[in-house]
PDB file of N, CA and C in Angstrom:
ATOM      1  N   MET A   1      76.502-146.914-105.754  1.00  0.00           N
ATOM      2  CA  MET A   1      75.097-146.987-105.440  1.00  0.00           C
ATOM      3  C   MET A   1      74.322-147.408-106.687  1.00  0.00           C
ATOM      4  N   GLN A   2      73.435-148.355-106.517  1.00  0.00           N
ATOM      5  CA  GLN A   2      72.641-148.835-107.641  1.00  0.00           C
ATOM      6  C   GLN A   2      71.449-147.918-107.887  1.00  0.00           C
ATOM      7  N   HIS A   3      71.130-147.738-109.154  1.00  0.00           N
ATOM      8  CA  HIS A   3      69.954-146.967-109.540  1.00  0.00           C
ATOM      9  C   HIS A   3      68.791-147.932-109.738  1.00  0.00           C
ATOM     10  N   PRO A   4      67.567-147.474-109.474  1.00  0.00           N
ATOM     11  CA  PRO A   4      66.427-148.332-109.822  1.00  0.00           C
ATOM     12  C   PRO A   4      66.380-148.506-111.338  1.00  0.00           C
ATOM     13  N   LEU A   5      65.913-149.638-111.791  1.00  0.00           N
ATOM     14  CA  LEU A   5      65.819-149.872-113.233  1.00  0.00           C
ATOM     15  C   LEU A   5      64.856-148.897-113.887  1.00  0.00           C
ATOM     16  N   PHE A   6      63.736-148.648-113.234  1.00  0.00           N
ATOM     17  CA  PHE A   6      62.715-147.765-113.785  1.00  0.00           C
ATOM     18  C   PHE A   6      62.061-146.959-112.676  1.00  0.00           C
ATOM     19  N   THR A   7      61.588-145.787-113.039  1.00  0.00           N
ATOM     20  CA  THR A   7      60.720-144.994-112.177  1.00  0.00           C
ATOM     21  C   THR A   7      59.401-144.847-112.909  1.00  0.00           C
ATOM     22  N   VAL A   8      58.313-145.130-112.222  1.00  0.00           N
ATOM     23  CA  VAL A   8      56.987-145.013-112.818  1.00  0.00           C
ATOM     24  C   VAL A   8      56.221-143.929-112.064  1.00  0.00           C
ATOM     25  N   THR A   9      55.796-142.895-112.792  1.00  0.00           N
ATOM     26  CA  THR A   9      54.995-141.822-112.216  1.00  0.00           C
ATOM     27  C   THR A   9      53.596-141.916-112.795  1.00  0.00           C
ATOM     28  N   ILE A  10      52.610-142.135-111.934  1.00  0.00           N
ATOM     29  CA  ILE A  10      51.226-142.198-112.394  1.00  0.00           C
ATOM     30  C   ILE A  10      50.744-140.774-112.603  1.00  0.00           C
ATOM     31  N   LEU A  11      50.338-140.478-113.825  1.00  0.00           N
ATOM     32  CA  LEU A  11      49.899-139.136-114.186  1.00  0.00           C
ATOM     33  C   LEU A  11      48.383-139.002-114.177  1.00  0.00           C
ATOM     34  N   TYR A  12      47.693-140.054-114.477  1.00  0.00           N
ATOM     35  CA  TYR A  12      46.250-139.999-114.690  1.00  0.00           C
ATOM     36  C   TYR A  12      45.664-141.306-114.207  1.00  0.00           C
ATOM     37  N   ASP A  13      44.615-141.232-113.381  1.00  0.00           N
ATOM     38  CA  ASP A  13      44.028-142.458-112.855  1.00  0.00           C
ATOM     39  C   ASP A  13      42.580-142.189-112.471  1.00  0.00           C
ATOM     40  N   ASN A  14      41.874-143.252-112.161  1.00  0.00           N
ATOM     41  CA  ASN A  14      40.485-143.127-111.742  1.00  0.00           C
ATOM     42  C   ASN A  14      40.359-142.522-110.348  1.00  0.00           C
ATOM     43  N   ARG A  15      41.453-142.516-109.588  1.00  0.00           N
ATOM     44  CA  ARG A  15      41.460-141.944-108.241  1.00  0.00           C
ATOM     45  C   ARG A  15      42.628-140.988-108.109  1.00  0.00           C
ATOM     46  N   SER A  16      42.463-140.001-107.240  1.00  0.00           N
ATOM     47  CA  SER A  16      43.543-139.056-106.974  1.00  0.00           C
ATOM     48  C   SER A  16      43.834-139.031-105.482  1.00  0.00           C
ATOM     49  N   MET A  17      45.110-139.038-105.129  1.00  0.00           N
ATOM     50  CA  MET A  17      45.518-138.956-103.731  1.00  0.00           C
ATOM     51  C   MET A  17      45.863-137.524-103.333  1.00  0.00           C
ATOM     52  N   ARG A  18      45.732-136.583-104.269  1.00  0.00           N
ATOM     53  CA  ARG A  18      46.042-135.175-104.003  1.00  0.00           C
ATOM     54  C   ARG A  18      44.821-134.312-104.292  1.00  0.00           C
ATOM     55  N   ASP A  19      44.580-133.343-103.419  1.00  0.00           N
ATOM     56  CA  ASP A  19      43.425-132.462-103.584  1.00  0.00           C
ATOM     57  C   ASP A  19      43.538-131.557-104.805  1.00  0.00           C
ATOM     58  N   ASP A  20      44.766-131.251-105.232  1.00  0.00           N
ATOM     59  CA  ASP A  20      44.942-130.334-106.362  1.00  0.00           C
ATOM     60  C   ASP A  20      44.868-131.025-107.722  1.00  0.00           C
ATOM     61  N   LEU A  21      44.652-132.340-107.736  1.00  0.00           N
ATOM     62  CA  LEU A  21      44.533-133.085-108.990  1.00  0.00           C
ATOM     63  C   LEU A  21      43.175-133.769-109.052  1.00  0.00           C
ATOM     64  N   LEU A  22      42.535-133.679-110.190  1.00  0.00           N
ATOM     65  CA  LEU A  22      41.240-134.316-110.377  1.00  0.00           C
ATOM     66  C   LEU A  22      41.424-135.712-110.943  1.00  0.00           C
ATOM     67  N   SER A  23      40.530-136.601-110.567  1.00  0.00           N
ATOM     68  CA  SER A  23      40.557-137.940-111.148  1.00  0.00           C
ATOM     69  C   SER A  23      39.578-137.980-112.314  1.00  0.00           C
ATOM     70  N   SER A  24      39.782-138.936-113.190  1.00  0.00           N
ATOM     71  CA  SER A  24      38.898-139.111-114.333  1.00  0.00           C
ATOM     72  C   SER A  24      39.119-140.507-114.892  1.00  0.00           C
ATOM     73  N   HIS A  25      38.230-140.923-115.758  1.00  0.00           N
ATOM     74  CA  HIS A  25      38.335-142.254-116.335  1.00  0.00           C
ATOM     75  C   HIS A  25      39.569-142.347-117.230  1.00  0.00           C
ATOM     76  N   GLY A  26      40.369-143.379-117.021  1.00  0.00           N
ATOM     77  CA  GLY A  26      41.559-143.607-117.833  1.00  0.00           C
ATOM     78  C   GLY A  26      42.774-143.876-116.967  1.00  0.00           C
ATOM     79  N   PHE A  27      43.915-144.071-117.614  1.00  0.00           N
ATOM     80  CA  PHE A  27      45.169-144.318-116.902  1.00  0.00           C
ATOM     81  C   PHE A  27      46.318-143.827-117.773  1.00  0.00           C
ATOM     82  N   SER A  28      47.279-143.168-117.130  1.00  0.00           N
ATOM     83  CA  SER A  28      48.462-142.690-117.831  1.00  0.00           C
ATOM     84  C   SER A  28      49.631-142.719-116.863  1.00  0.00           C
ATOM     85  N   CYS A  29      50.793-143.155-117.334  1.00  0.00           N
ATOM     86  CA  CYS A  29      51.983-143.120-116.494  1.00  0.00           C
ATOM     87  C   CYS A  29      53.208-142.811-117.356  1.00  0.00           C
ATOM     88  N   LEU A  30      54.182-142.205-116.708  1.00  0.00           N
ATOM     89  CA  LEU A  30      55.452-141.895-117.351  1.00  0.00           C
ATOM     90  C   LEU A  30      56.478-142.870-116.797  1.00  0.00           C
ATOM     91  N   ILE A  31      57.109-143.642-117.671  1.00  0.00           N
ATOM     92  CA  ILE A  31      58.102-144.642-117.282  1.00  0.00           C
ATOM     93  C   ILE A  31      59.466-144.119-117.702  1.00  0.00           C
ATOM     94  N   GLU A  32      60.389-144.014-116.732  1.00  0.00           N
ATOM     95  CA  GLU A  32      61.728-143.481-117.008  1.00  0.00           C
ATOM     96  C   GLU A  32      62.783-144.461-116.502  1.00  0.00           C
ATOM     97  N   ASN A  33      63.868-144.609-117.265  1.00  0.00           N
ATOM     98  CA  ASN A  33      64.977-145.407-116.760  1.00  0.00           C
ATOM     99  C   ASN A  33      66.066-144.470-116.241  1.00  0.00           C
ATOM    100  N   HIS A  34      67.104-145.029-115.632  1.00  0.00           N
ATOM    101  CA  HIS A  34      68.150-144.205-115.014  1.00  0.00           C
ATOM    102  C   HIS A  34      69.003-143.468-116.046  1.00  0.00           C
ATOM    103  N   GLN A  35      68.846-143.802-117.325  1.00  0.00           N
ATOM    104  CA  GLN A  35      69.578-143.110-118.390  1.00  0.00           C
ATOM    105  C   GLN A  35      68.778-141.946-118.968  1.00  0.00           C
ATOM    106  N   GLY A  36      67.590-141.708-118.429  1.00  0.00           N
ATOM    107  CA  GLY A  36      66.779-140.592-118.887  1.00  0.00           C
ATOM    108  C   GLY A  36      65.826-140.895-120.029  1.00  0.00           C
ATOM    109  N   ARG A  37      65.758-142.139-120.453  1.00  0.00           N
ATOM    110  CA  ARG A  37      64.807-142.497-121.517  1.00  0.00           C
ATOM    111  C   ARG A  37      63.405-142.555-120.926  1.00  0.00           C
ATOM    112  N   ARG A  38      62.443-142.075-121.695  1.00  0.00           N
ATOM    113  CA  ARG A  38      61.070-141.975-121.211  1.00  0.00           C
ATOM    114  C   ARG A  38      60.091-142.621-122.171  1.00  0.00           C
ATOM    115  N   VAL A  39      59.063-143.231-121.583  1.00  0.00           N
ATOM    116  CA  VAL A  39      57.948-143.772-122.347  1.00  0.00           C
ATOM    117  C   VAL A  39      56.679-143.289-121.663  1.00  0.00           C
ATOM    118  N   LEU A  40      55.787-142.705-122.436  1.00  0.00           N
ATOM    119  CA  LEU A  40      54.496-142.283-121.914  1.00  0.00           C
ATOM    120  C   LEU A  40      53.472-143.338-122.298  1.00  0.00           C
ATOM    121  N   PHE A  41      52.913-143.994-121.289  1.00  0.00           N
ATOM    122  CA  PHE A  41      51.830-144.955-121.493  1.00  0.00           C
ATOM    123  C   PHE A  41      50.551-144.212-121.148  1.00  0.00           C
ATOM    124  N   ASP A  42      49.678-144.021-122.123  1.00  0.00           N
ATOM    125  CA  ASP A  42      48.553-143.114-121.907  1.00  0.00           C
ATOM    126  C   ASP A  42      47.253-143.666-122.453  1.00  0.00           C
ATOM    127  N   THR A  43      46.255-143.761-121.580  1.00  0.00           N
ATOM    128  CA  THR A  43      44.892-144.059-121.989  1.00  0.00           C
ATOM    129  C   THR A  43      43.943-143.027-121.394  1.00  0.00           C
ATOM    130  N   GLY A  44      44.487-141.868-120.992  1.00  0.00           N
ATOM    131  CA  GLY A  44      43.699-140.800-120.373  1.00  0.00           C
ATOM    132  C   GLY A  44      42.910-139.999-121.393  1.00  0.00           C
ATOM    133  N   GLU A  45      42.026-139.144-120.868  1.00  0.00           N
ATOM    134  CA  GLU A  45      41.145-138.362-121.726  1.00  0.00           C
ATOM    135  C   GLU A  45      41.667-136.968-122.038  1.00  0.00           C
ATOM    136  N   SER A  46      42.550-136.400-121.194  1.00  0.00           N
ATOM    137  CA  SER A  46      43.021-135.034-121.432  1.00  0.00           C
ATOM    138  C   SER A  46      44.426-134.851-120.877  1.00  0.00           C
ATOM    139  N   GLY A  47      45.089-133.729-121.235  1.00  0.00           N
ATOM    140  CA  GLY A  47      46.483-133.522-120.882  1.00  0.00           C
ATOM    141  C   GLY A  47      46.817-132.537-119.782  1.00  0.00           C
ATOM    142  N   PRO A  48      45.880-131.764-119.190  1.00  0.00           N
ATOM    143  CA  PRO A  48      46.244-130.773-118.182  1.00  0.00           C
ATOM    144  C   PRO A  48      46.964-131.340-116.955  1.00  0.00           C
ATOM    145  N   LEU A  49      46.762-132.613-116.650  1.00  0.00           N
ATOM    146  CA  LEU A  49      47.459-133.189-115.494  1.00  0.00           C
ATOM    147  C   LEU A  49      48.968-133.197-115.691  1.00  0.00           C
ATOM    148  N   LEU A  50      49.432-133.361-116.913  1.00  0.00           N
ATOM    149  CA  LEU A  50      50.873-133.307-117.167  1.00  0.00           C
ATOM    150  C   LEU A  50      51.441-131.966-116.720  1.00  0.00           C
ATOM    151  N   LEU A  51      50.730-130.895-117.022  1.00  0.00           N
ATOM    152  CA  LEU A  51      51.193-129.569-116.623  1.00  0.00           C
ATOM    153  C   LEU A  51      51.119-129.390-115.109  1.00  0.00           C
ATOM    154  N   ALA A  52      50.063-129.881-114.476  1.00  0.00           N
ATOM    155  CA  ALA A  52      49.908-129.751-113.028  1.00  0.00           C
ATOM    156  C   ALA A  52      51.010-130.488-112.277  1.00  0.00           C
ATOM    157  N   LEU A  53      51.519-131.576-112.857  1.00  0.00           N
ATOM    158  CA  LEU A  53      52.584-132.361-112.224  1.00  0.00           C
ATOM    159  C   LEU A  53      53.967-131.937-112.696  1.00  0.00           C
ATOM    160  N   ASN A  54      54.029-130.868-113.496  1.00  0.00           N
ATOM    161  CA  ASN A  54      55.296-130.370-114.039  1.00  0.00           C
ATOM    162  C   ASN A  54      56.047-131.476-114.776  1.00  0.00           C
ATOM    163  N   SER A  55      55.313-132.272-115.531  1.00  0.00           N
ATOM    164  CA  SER A  55      55.891-133.386-116.275  1.00  0.00           C
ATOM    165  C   SER A  55      55.896-133.038-117.760  1.00  0.00           C
ATOM    166  N   HIS A  56      57.062-133.126-118.363  1.00  0.00           N
ATOM    167  CA  HIS A  56      57.226-132.791-119.770  1.00  0.00           C
ATOM    168  C   HIS A  56      57.863-133.981-120.489  1.00  0.00           C
ATOM    169  N   PRO A  57      57.050-134.922-121.005  1.00  0.00           N
ATOM    170  CA  PRO A  57      57.583-136.145-121.608  1.00  0.00           C
ATOM    171  C   PRO A  57      58.546-135.917-122.768  1.00  0.00           C
ATOM    172  N   THR A  58      58.440-134.795-123.466  1.00  0.00           N
ATOM    173  CA  THR A  58      59.333-134.554-124.598  1.00  0.00           C
ATOM    174  C   THR A  58      60.669-133.969-124.174  1.00  0.00           C
ATOM    175  N   ALA A  59      60.803-133.551-122.923  1.00  0.00           N
ATOM    176  CA  ALA A  59      62.067-132.979-122.439  1.00  0.00           C
ATOM    177  C   ALA A  59      63.074-134.093-122.191  1.00  0.00           C
ATOM    178  N   GLY A  60      64.332-133.779-122.371  1.00  0.00           N
ATOM    179  CA  GLY A  60      65.376-134.719-122.009  1.00  0.00           C
ATOM    180  C   GLY A  60      65.934-135.523-123.075  1.00  0.00           C
TER     181      GLY A  60
END
């Protein structure tokens, strides 16, 4: 079975599709490859959304 090359999780955006997450100005996403390497692309204003999404960029 083939793995996707990358998984992109949007962490922070101007809009939210979930009631438990607030939107705000900026954009942030976590980019992961199938080997577990991670890159955090971040232009957001604050970090609490990482905790709300149970995302820990330094883990792994």
